[in-house]
Structures are given as C-alpha cells and as structure tokens.
Protein backbone atom coordinates (compact mmCIF):
# COMPACT_ATOMS: atom_id res chain seq x y z
CA UNK A 1 13.72 -16.30 11.42
CA UNK A 2 13.96 -13.50 8.88
CA UNK A 3 11.55 -10.60 8.98
CA UNK A 4 9.55 -10.30 5.76
CA UNK A 5 9.87 -7.05 3.85
CA UNK A 6 6.34 -5.82 3.24
CA UNK A 7 5.80 -3.14 0.65
CA UNK A 8 2.54 -1.28 1.31
CA UNK A 9 0.90 0.67 -1.48
CA UNK A 10 -2.58 1.92 -2.31
CA UNK A 11 -4.43 1.54 -5.57
CA UNK A 12 -7.35 3.64 -6.77
CA UNK A 13 -9.66 1.62 -8.97
CA UNK A 14 -13.25 1.34 -10.16
CA UNK A 15 -15.42 -0.76 -7.86
CA UNK A 16 -16.67 -4.02 -9.29
CA UNK A 17 -19.91 -3.60 -11.21
CA UNK A 18 -19.53 0.18 -11.47
CA UNK A 19 -19.02 2.22 -14.65
CA UNK A 20 -16.26 4.54 -13.45
CA UNK A 21 -17.11 7.05 -16.15
CA UNK A 22 -18.10 9.89 -13.82
CA UNK A 23 -15.45 11.04 -11.32
CA UNK A 24 -18.22 12.54 -9.14
CA UNK A 25 -20.09 9.22 -8.83
CA UNK A 26 -19.32 6.92 -5.87
CA UNK A 27 -17.83 4.33 -8.24
CA UNK A 28 -14.29 4.31 -6.86
CA UNK A 29 -12.39 2.41 -4.20
CA UNK A 30 -8.96 2.47 -2.58
CA UNK A 31 -7.32 -0.88 -1.94
CA UNK A 32 -4.38 -1.41 0.39
CA UNK A 33 -1.85 -3.70 -1.26
CA UNK A 34 0.83 -5.70 0.51
CA UNK A 35 3.53 -6.57 -2.01
CA UNK A 36 1.01 -5.82 -4.77
CA UNK A 37 -1.80 -8.01 -3.41
CA UNK A 38 -4.94 -7.25 -1.39
CA UNK A 39 -4.54 -9.42 1.73
CA UNK A 40 -7.83 -8.49 3.44
CA UNK A 41 -11.09 -7.29 1.94
CA UNK A 42 -11.43 -5.05 4.99
CA UNK A 43 -8.58 -3.01 3.49
CA UNK A 44 -10.73 -1.94 0.53
CA UNK A 45 -12.60 1.33 1.02
CA UNK A 46 -15.36 1.84 -1.54
CA UNK A 47 -18.29 4.08 -2.47
CA UNK A 48 -15.94 7.01 -2.99
CA UNK A 49 -15.79 9.72 -5.61
CA UNK A 50 -12.52 9.85 -7.52
CA UNK A 51 -11.44 12.95 -5.56
CA UNK A 52 -12.17 11.22 -2.23
CA UNK A 53 -10.21 8.16 -3.34
CA UNK A 54 -7.25 10.35 -4.32
CA UNK A 55 -7.37 12.11 -0.95
CA UNK A 56 -7.42 8.85 1.03
CA UNK A 57 -4.64 7.23 -1.00
CA UNK A 58 -2.55 10.39 -0.70
CA UNK A 59 -3.09 10.59 3.07
CA UNK A 60 -2.03 6.97 3.60
CA UNK A 61 0.99 7.36 1.33
CA UNK A 62 2.08 10.46 3.29
CA UNK A 63 1.62 8.65 6.62
CA UNK A 64 3.81 5.80 5.31
CA UNK A 65 6.49 8.27 4.16
CA UNK A 66 6.35 10.18 7.46
CA UNK A 67 6.83 6.92 9.33
CA UNK A 68 9.89 6.15 7.21
CA UNK A 69 8.52 2.82 6.06
C-alpha cells in the first residue's frame, strides 16, 4: 500500500457571516487544509483578529518547515 502524500497548508479567511472589513475585529479564521481541503471543522480556528490569524498561520507554517515536512 502506498503512503499518501499530504500537503498541509493554512489559509487565513473571513469567518462566515462576518464583514472582514476591520482587521482589529474578531472576523478572521485560520483553516488547516490537507491537499487544499478542510478535512475537519475542528481544524478551523475562528474569532481572531487579522494579526492573530497571521501569527497562528505563521507559527504552524514554521513548525511544518522545522519538521521538514
């Protein structure tokens, strides 16, 4: 059996039903994508400001790079 190549990435986006016009408002979320698709809703972190979302996505991306994945 072949091992599936999973490409993990993180997307910053406006939460459903939110305006996303104010970067200081908790309108943003970070979604973990596996091969470009959200596999589990538990992997979406919401109620973030844009700066918080950038920090979380950046942290996870760095952890992935540090792990050599």
